[in-house]
Amino acid sequence: MTREELADILARTYDGQPLDQLRDEHAALHLEAADAVLARMSGPAGMPTT
């Protein structure tokens, strides 16, 4: 899953709109959240990726 796909899922879930229909500032929040989720998922299972 790409960061854009995950951010779009978050936008549709929380805002009821696709990512590309949100204001840039608001879309950026979903992209940041997607980055955080993907970073966490890429680390060792159960271990923080700090």
C-alpha atoms as a PDB file:
ATOM      1  CA  MET A   1       0.000   0.000   0.000  1.00  0.00           C
ATOM      2  CA  THR A   2       1.344   3.427  -0.887  1.00  0.00           C
ATOM      3  CA  ARG A   3       1.288   6.437   1.402  1.00  0.00           C
ATOM      4  CA  GLU A   4      -1.221   8.124  -0.934  1.00  0.00           C
ATOM      5  CA  GLU A   5      -3.565   5.129  -0.819  1.00  0.00           C
ATOM      6  CA  LEU A   6      -3.427   5.005   2.968  1.00  0.00           C
ATOM      7  CA  ALA A   7      -3.891   8.772   3.255  1.00  0.00           C
ATOM      8  CA  ASP A   8      -6.917   8.528   0.956  1.00  0.00           C
ATOM      9  CA  ILE A   9      -8.418   5.816   3.167  1.00  0.00           C
ATOM     10  CA  LEU A  10      -7.866   8.022   6.219  1.00  0.00           C
ATOM     11  CA  ALA A  11      -9.419  11.029   4.492  1.00  0.00           C
ATOM     12  CA  ARG A  12     -12.478   9.070   3.384  1.00  0.00           C
ATOM     13  CA  THR A  13     -12.871   7.562   6.857  1.00  0.00           C
ATOM     14  CA  TYR A  14     -12.443  10.719   8.900  1.00  0.00           C
ATOM     15  CA  ASP A  15     -13.664  13.405   6.494  1.00  0.00           C
ATOM     16  CA  GLY A  16     -15.978  11.515   4.164  1.00  0.00           C
ATOM     17  CA  GLN A  17     -14.075  12.858   1.139  1.00  0.00           C
ATOM     18  CA  PRO A  18     -11.243  11.561  -1.013  1.00  0.00           C
ATOM     19  CA  LEU A  19      -7.806  12.979  -0.345  1.00  0.00           C
ATOM     20  CA  ASP A  20      -7.687  14.929  -3.614  1.00  0.00           C
ATOM     21  CA  GLN A  21     -10.810  16.887  -2.653  1.00  0.00           C
ATOM     22  CA  LEU A  22      -9.374  18.229   0.614  1.00  0.00           C
ATOM     23  CA  ARG A  23      -7.523  21.511   1.060  1.00  0.00           C
ATOM     24  CA  ASP A  24      -3.764  21.030   0.782  1.00  0.00           C
ATOM     25  CA  GLU A  25      -3.209  21.857   4.472  1.00  0.00           C
ATOM     26  CA  HIS A  26      -5.775  19.275   5.533  1.00  0.00           C
ATOM     27  CA  ALA A  27      -4.575  16.628   3.084  1.00  0.00           C
ATOM     28  CA  ALA A  28      -1.051  17.087   4.460  1.00  0.00           C
ATOM     29  CA  LEU A  29      -2.245  15.919   7.889  1.00  0.00           C
ATOM     30  CA  HIS A  30      -3.503  12.643   6.404  1.00  0.00           C
ATOM     31  CA  LEU A  31      -0.255  12.177   4.483  1.00  0.00           C
ATOM     32  CA  GLU A  32       1.733  12.702   7.704  1.00  0.00           C
ATOM     33  CA  ALA A  33      -0.460  10.165   9.501  1.00  0.00           C
ATOM     34  CA  ALA A  34       0.033   7.683   6.663  1.00  0.00           C
ATOM     35  CA  ASP A  35       3.815   8.176   6.877  1.00  0.00           C
ATOM     36  CA  ALA A  36       3.702   7.454  10.611  1.00  0.00           C
ATOM     37  CA  VAL A  37       1.648   4.276  10.135  1.00  0.00           C
ATOM     38  CA  LEU A  38       3.875   2.997   7.339  1.00  0.00           C
ATOM     39  CA  ALA A  39       7.030   3.722   9.342  1.00  0.00           C
ATOM     40  CA  ARG A  40       5.619   1.830  12.300  1.00  0.00           C
ATOM     41  CA  MET A  41       4.646  -1.103  10.084  1.00  0.00           C
ATOM     42  CA  SER A  42       8.114  -1.311   8.528  1.00  0.00           C
ATOM     43  CA  GLY A  43       9.868  -1.689  11.884  1.00  0.00           C
ATOM     44  CA  PRO A  44      10.387  -4.979  13.726  1.00  0.00           C
ATOM     45  CA  ALA A  45       7.142  -6.459  15.037  1.00  0.00           C
ATOM     46  CA  GLY A  46       6.198  -4.897  18.333  1.00  0.00           C
ATOM     47  CA  MET A  47       9.249  -2.658  18.441  1.00  0.00           C
ATOM     48  CA  PRO A  48       9.147   1.139  18.138  1.00  0.00           C
ATOM     49  CA  THR A  49      11.008   2.524  15.123  1.00  0.00           C
ATOM     50  CA  THR A  50      12.727   5.457  16.832  1.00  0.00           C
END
